[in-house]
Amino acid sequence: MTDPAMQTVDSFGMMAERQFADVWARTVLSVRERRMLLLGLLVGQGLDEMTEVQLDAALRTGELSEAELREVVVFLAHYAGWARGSRLNEQVESLIERARRPRPAPPEHTS
């Protein structure tokens, strides 16, 4: 039998996921434009953990290149403040460094 509290959490999570999916699927703004808006909001509010998630998604999906991420840093530092801009710069440079590292080869299967 499923715990009723877990049913509430699961249904809330499903509802939230669906609502966010609907917002991101709208066509007036591109996903790239939405990602940049969200980055500005997250940086402006100092939400570093969520910023890292969105930076990673932007780079991994190709929505923003390394050069574009660095330009976002320059732009947002002027509007969000130097302290937040400095933190964003650290996040972007760390992400770029991680993304450039070669991935380890999968283990070979031996018979």
N, C-alpha and C. Protein backbone atom coordinates (compact mmCIF):
# COMPACT_ATOMS: atom_id res chain seq x y z
N MET A 1 0.84 -1.18 0.00
CA MET A 1 0.00 0.00 0.00
C MET A 1 0.89 1.25 0.00
N THR A 2 0.53 2.24 -0.77
CA THR A 2 1.31 3.46 -0.88
C THR A 2 0.94 4.42 0.23
N ASP A 3 1.98 5.02 0.83
CA ASP A 3 1.78 6.02 1.88
C ASP A 3 1.05 7.22 1.28
N PRO A 4 -0.07 7.69 1.88
CA PRO A 4 -0.80 8.85 1.34
C PRO A 4 0.07 10.09 1.19
N ALA A 5 1.02 10.29 2.10
CA ALA A 5 1.89 11.47 1.99
C ALA A 5 2.72 11.40 0.72
N MET A 6 3.18 10.21 0.35
CA MET A 6 3.96 10.05 -0.87
C MET A 6 3.10 10.30 -2.10
N GLN A 7 1.84 9.91 -2.05
CA GLN A 7 0.95 10.18 -3.17
C GLN A 7 0.82 11.68 -3.38
N THR A 8 0.73 12.44 -2.31
CA THR A 8 0.63 13.90 -2.41
C THR A 8 1.88 14.47 -3.03
N VAL A 9 3.05 14.04 -2.58
CA VAL A 9 4.32 14.53 -3.12
C VAL A 9 4.43 14.16 -4.60
N ASP A 10 4.11 12.93 -4.94
CA ASP A 10 4.21 12.50 -6.34
C ASP A 10 3.26 13.30 -7.23
N SER A 11 2.04 13.49 -6.80
CA SER A 11 1.08 14.22 -7.63
C SER A 11 1.49 15.69 -7.74
N PHE A 12 2.04 16.28 -6.68
CA PHE A 12 2.51 17.66 -6.76
C PHE A 12 3.67 17.75 -7.75
N GLY A 13 4.61 16.81 -7.65
CA GLY A 13 5.75 16.81 -8.57
C GLY A 13 5.32 16.66 -10.01
N MET A 14 4.37 15.79 -10.26
CA MET A 14 3.87 15.60 -11.62
C MET A 14 3.18 16.86 -12.12
N MET A 15 2.40 17.49 -11.24
CA MET A 15 1.70 18.72 -11.63
C MET A 15 2.71 19.82 -11.94
N ALA A 16 3.71 20.00 -11.08
CA ALA A 16 4.71 21.05 -11.28
C ALA A 16 5.50 20.79 -12.56
N GLU A 17 5.89 19.54 -12.78
CA GLU A 17 6.64 19.19 -13.99
C GLU A 17 5.82 19.50 -15.23
N ARG A 18 4.57 19.17 -15.21
CA ARG A 18 3.68 19.43 -16.34
C ARG A 18 3.54 20.93 -16.60
N GLN A 19 3.37 21.70 -15.53
CA GLN A 19 3.22 23.15 -15.69
C GLN A 19 4.49 23.77 -16.26
N PHE A 20 5.65 23.36 -15.76
CA PHE A 20 6.89 23.89 -16.29
C PHE A 20 7.09 23.46 -17.74
N ALA A 21 6.75 22.23 -18.05
CA ALA A 21 6.86 21.75 -19.43
C ALA A 21 5.98 22.58 -20.36
N ASP A 22 4.79 22.90 -19.92
CA ASP A 22 3.88 23.73 -20.72
C ASP A 22 4.47 25.11 -20.97
N VAL A 23 5.05 25.71 -19.93
CA VAL A 23 5.64 27.05 -20.06
C VAL A 23 6.82 27.01 -21.03
N TRP A 24 7.67 25.99 -20.92
CA TRP A 24 8.85 25.90 -21.78
C TRP A 24 8.48 25.53 -23.22
N ALA A 25 7.32 24.94 -23.43
CA ALA A 25 6.91 24.50 -24.77
C ALA A 25 6.22 25.60 -25.58
N ARG A 26 5.88 26.70 -24.94
CA ARG A 26 5.22 27.78 -25.67
C ARG A 26 6.14 28.27 -26.77
N THR A 27 5.58 28.83 -27.84
CA THR A 27 6.37 29.11 -29.03
C THR A 27 6.72 30.57 -29.28
N VAL A 28 6.21 31.49 -28.51
CA VAL A 28 6.49 32.91 -28.75
C VAL A 28 7.97 33.21 -28.49
N LEU A 29 8.50 32.68 -27.40
CA LEU A 29 9.92 32.79 -27.11
C LEU A 29 10.58 31.43 -27.36
N SER A 30 11.81 31.46 -27.84
CA SER A 30 12.54 30.21 -28.03
C SER A 30 13.01 29.68 -26.67
N VAL A 31 13.38 28.41 -26.65
CA VAL A 31 13.92 27.83 -25.42
C VAL A 31 15.19 28.58 -25.02
N ARG A 32 15.99 28.97 -25.99
CA ARG A 32 17.22 29.73 -25.72
C ARG A 32 16.89 31.07 -25.05
N GLU A 33 15.89 31.76 -25.56
CA GLU A 33 15.49 33.03 -24.96
C GLU A 33 14.98 32.83 -23.54
N ARG A 34 14.19 31.77 -23.35
CA ARG A 34 13.69 31.46 -22.01
C ARG A 34 14.84 31.15 -21.05
N ARG A 35 15.82 30.40 -21.55
CA ARG A 35 16.97 30.03 -20.72
C ARG A 35 17.73 31.30 -20.28
N MET A 36 17.92 32.24 -21.20
CA MET A 36 18.64 33.48 -20.84
C MET A 36 17.85 34.31 -19.84
N LEU A 37 16.55 34.39 -20.02
CA LEU A 37 15.72 35.11 -19.05
C LEU A 37 15.84 34.47 -17.67
N LEU A 38 15.76 33.16 -17.64
CA LEU A 38 15.84 32.45 -16.38
C LEU A 38 17.21 32.64 -15.73
N LEU A 39 18.27 32.60 -16.52
CA LEU A 39 19.60 32.84 -15.98
C LEU A 39 19.70 34.22 -15.34
N GLY A 40 19.18 35.23 -16.02
CA GLY A 40 19.20 36.58 -15.45
C GLY A 40 18.46 36.65 -14.13
N LEU A 41 17.31 36.01 -14.08
CA LEU A 41 16.51 36.00 -12.85
C LEU A 41 17.25 35.29 -11.72
N LEU A 42 17.80 34.12 -12.02
CA LEU A 42 18.49 33.33 -11.00
C LEU A 42 19.73 34.05 -10.47
N VAL A 43 20.51 34.63 -11.38
CA VAL A 43 21.70 35.37 -10.96
C VAL A 43 21.29 36.59 -10.13
N GLY A 44 20.28 37.32 -10.60
CA GLY A 44 19.82 38.50 -9.89
C GLY A 44 19.34 38.20 -8.48
N GLN A 45 18.80 37.01 -8.29
CA GLN A 45 18.31 36.62 -6.97
C GLN A 45 19.36 35.88 -6.15
N GLY A 46 20.53 35.64 -6.76
CA GLY A 46 21.60 34.95 -6.05
C GLY A 46 21.34 33.48 -5.82
N LEU A 47 20.59 32.85 -6.69
CA LEU A 47 20.26 31.42 -6.56
C LEU A 47 21.31 30.58 -7.30
N ASP A 48 22.47 30.45 -6.67
CA ASP A 48 23.63 29.84 -7.31
C ASP A 48 23.43 28.40 -7.75
N GLU A 49 22.81 27.58 -6.93
CA GLU A 49 22.64 26.17 -7.29
C GLU A 49 21.78 26.02 -8.54
N MET A 50 20.69 26.75 -8.59
CA MET A 50 19.81 26.68 -9.76
C MET A 50 20.50 27.29 -10.99
N THR A 51 21.33 28.32 -10.76
CA THR A 51 22.08 28.91 -11.86
C THR A 51 22.98 27.87 -12.48
N GLU A 52 23.68 27.09 -11.65
CA GLU A 52 24.56 26.05 -12.18
C GLU A 52 23.81 25.03 -13.02
N VAL A 53 22.63 24.65 -12.59
CA VAL A 53 21.81 23.70 -13.35
C VAL A 53 21.47 24.27 -14.72
N GLN A 54 21.07 25.53 -14.76
CA GLN A 54 20.66 26.15 -16.02
C GLN A 54 21.86 26.43 -16.93
N LEU A 55 23.01 26.80 -16.36
CA LEU A 55 24.23 26.97 -17.17
C LEU A 55 24.61 25.66 -17.84
N ASP A 56 24.59 24.59 -17.06
CA ASP A 56 24.93 23.27 -17.60
C ASP A 56 23.97 22.88 -18.71
N ALA A 57 22.69 23.10 -18.50
CA ALA A 57 21.69 22.76 -19.53
C ALA A 57 21.91 23.59 -20.79
N ALA A 58 22.21 24.86 -20.63
CA ALA A 58 22.42 25.74 -21.79
C ALA A 58 23.62 25.31 -22.62
N LEU A 59 24.71 24.93 -21.95
CA LEU A 59 25.91 24.50 -22.67
C LEU A 59 25.71 23.11 -23.27
N ARG A 60 25.18 22.20 -22.48
CA ARG A 60 25.00 20.81 -22.92
C ARG A 60 24.06 20.70 -24.12
N THR A 61 23.02 21.50 -24.16
CA THR A 61 22.05 21.43 -25.27
C THR A 61 22.47 22.27 -26.47
N GLY A 62 23.54 23.07 -26.29
CA GLY A 62 23.99 23.92 -27.39
C GLY A 62 23.20 25.21 -27.51
N GLU A 63 22.36 25.51 -26.53
CA GLU A 63 21.60 26.76 -26.57
C GLU A 63 22.51 27.98 -26.44
N LEU A 64 23.58 27.82 -25.67
CA LEU A 64 24.57 28.88 -25.51
C LEU A 64 25.96 28.28 -25.64
N SER A 65 26.81 28.93 -26.42
CA SER A 65 28.19 28.48 -26.58
C SER A 65 29.04 28.99 -25.41
N GLU A 66 30.28 28.56 -25.36
CA GLU A 66 31.19 29.05 -24.33
C GLU A 66 31.31 30.57 -24.41
N ALA A 67 31.49 31.09 -25.61
CA ALA A 67 31.62 32.54 -25.79
C ALA A 67 30.35 33.27 -25.36
N GLU A 68 29.19 32.71 -25.66
CA GLU A 68 27.93 33.34 -25.26
C GLU A 68 27.74 33.30 -23.74
N LEU A 69 28.14 32.20 -23.11
CA LEU A 69 28.05 32.14 -21.65
C LEU A 69 28.94 33.21 -21.02
N ARG A 70 30.12 33.38 -21.57
CA ARG A 70 31.02 34.41 -21.05
C ARG A 70 30.44 35.81 -21.26
N GLU A 71 29.75 36.01 -22.35
CA GLU A 71 29.12 37.31 -22.61
C GLU A 71 27.96 37.54 -21.65
N VAL A 72 27.25 36.49 -21.29
CA VAL A 72 26.19 36.59 -20.28
C VAL A 72 26.80 37.08 -18.96
N VAL A 73 27.99 36.57 -18.62
CA VAL A 73 28.67 37.00 -17.40
C VAL A 73 28.94 38.50 -17.45
N VAL A 74 29.50 38.97 -18.56
CA VAL A 74 29.81 40.39 -18.70
C VAL A 74 28.55 41.23 -18.54
N PHE A 75 27.50 40.83 -19.22
CA PHE A 75 26.24 41.59 -19.19
C PHE A 75 25.64 41.61 -17.79
N LEU A 76 25.50 40.42 -17.19
CA LEU A 76 24.82 40.34 -15.90
C LEU A 76 25.64 40.95 -14.77
N ALA A 77 26.95 40.94 -14.88
CA ALA A 77 27.78 41.58 -13.85
C ALA A 77 27.44 43.06 -13.73
N HIS A 78 27.12 43.68 -14.85
CA HIS A 78 26.78 45.12 -14.83
C HIS A 78 25.40 45.39 -14.24
N TYR A 79 24.52 44.42 -14.33
CA TYR A 79 23.15 44.63 -13.84
C TYR A 79 22.88 43.96 -12.49
N ALA A 80 23.51 42.81 -12.25
CA ALA A 80 23.26 42.08 -11.00
C ALA A 80 24.28 42.44 -9.92
N GLY A 81 25.32 43.13 -10.30
CA GLY A 81 26.36 43.52 -9.35
C GLY A 81 27.61 42.69 -9.52
N TRP A 82 28.71 43.28 -9.09
CA TRP A 82 30.01 42.63 -9.30
C TRP A 82 30.17 41.36 -8.50
N ALA A 83 29.64 41.31 -7.29
CA ALA A 83 29.77 40.10 -6.48
C ALA A 83 29.06 38.93 -7.16
N ARG A 84 27.85 39.16 -7.63
CA ARG A 84 27.11 38.08 -8.31
C ARG A 84 27.74 37.78 -9.66
N GLY A 85 28.23 38.80 -10.33
CA GLY A 85 28.91 38.59 -11.60
C GLY A 85 30.17 37.77 -11.44
N SER A 86 30.90 38.03 -10.37
CA SER A 86 32.12 37.27 -10.09
C SER A 86 31.80 35.81 -9.82
N ARG A 87 30.76 35.58 -9.03
CA ARG A 87 30.34 34.19 -8.75
C ARG A 87 29.89 33.51 -10.03
N LEU A 88 29.14 34.21 -10.87
CA LEU A 88 28.70 33.64 -12.14
C LEU A 88 29.90 33.31 -13.02
N ASN A 89 30.89 34.19 -13.04
CA ASN A 89 32.09 33.93 -13.82
C ASN A 89 32.78 32.65 -13.36
N GLU A 90 32.88 32.45 -12.05
CA GLU A 90 33.46 31.23 -11.50
C GLU A 90 32.66 30.00 -11.96
N GLN A 91 31.35 30.12 -11.92
CA GLN A 91 30.50 29.00 -12.33
C GLN A 91 30.69 28.68 -13.81
N VAL A 92 30.71 29.70 -14.64
CA VAL A 92 30.84 29.49 -16.09
C VAL A 92 32.20 28.89 -16.41
N GLU A 93 33.26 29.43 -15.85
CA GLU A 93 34.60 28.92 -16.16
C GLU A 93 34.77 27.49 -15.66
N SER A 94 34.22 27.18 -14.50
CA SER A 94 34.28 25.81 -13.98
C SER A 94 33.51 24.85 -14.89
N LEU A 95 32.34 25.28 -15.33
CA LEU A 95 31.53 24.46 -16.24
C LEU A 95 32.28 24.21 -17.55
N ILE A 96 32.86 25.24 -18.12
CA ILE A 96 33.59 25.10 -19.38
C ILE A 96 34.77 24.14 -19.20
N GLU A 97 35.47 24.29 -18.10
CA GLU A 97 36.60 23.38 -17.83
C GLU A 97 36.13 21.93 -17.74
N ARG A 98 35.04 21.70 -17.01
CA ARG A 98 34.51 20.33 -16.88
C ARG A 98 34.05 19.80 -18.23
N ALA A 99 33.40 20.64 -19.02
CA ALA A 99 32.87 20.20 -20.32
C ALA A 99 33.99 19.85 -21.30
N ARG A 100 35.14 20.48 -21.15
CA ARG A 100 36.27 20.23 -22.05
C ARG A 100 37.07 18.99 -21.69
N ARG A 101 36.92 18.51 -20.46
CA ARG A 101 37.67 17.32 -20.04
C ARG A 101 37.22 16.12 -20.85
N PRO A 102 38.18 15.31 -21.27
CA PRO A 102 37.76 14.08 -21.98
C PRO A 102 37.00 13.16 -21.04
N ARG A 103 36.00 12.57 -21.59
CA ARG A 103 35.21 11.62 -20.80
C ARG A 103 35.93 10.29 -20.77
N PRO A 104 35.91 9.62 -19.64
CA PRO A 104 36.57 8.31 -19.58
C PRO A 104 35.87 7.31 -20.51
N ALA A 105 36.67 6.47 -21.09
CA ALA A 105 36.12 5.45 -21.98
C ALA A 105 35.33 4.43 -21.15
N PRO A 106 34.24 3.93 -21.71
CA PRO A 106 33.48 2.91 -20.98
C PRO A 106 34.35 1.66 -20.81
N PRO A 107 34.14 0.94 -19.73
CA PRO A 107 34.95 -0.29 -19.52
C PRO A 107 34.71 -1.29 -20.63
N GLU A 108 35.80 -1.96 -21.00
CA GLU A 108 35.68 -2.99 -22.04
C GLU A 108 35.14 -4.25 -21.43
N HIS A 109 34.27 -4.91 -22.20
CA HIS A 109 33.72 -6.18 -21.73
C HIS A 109 34.67 -7.30 -22.13
N THR A 110 34.96 -8.12 -21.19
CA THR A 110 35.80 -9.28 -21.51
C THR A 110 34.95 -10.53 -21.39
N SER A 111 35.21 -11.44 -22.26
CA SER A 111 34.41 -12.66 -22.24
C SER A 111 35.06 -13.71 -21.41
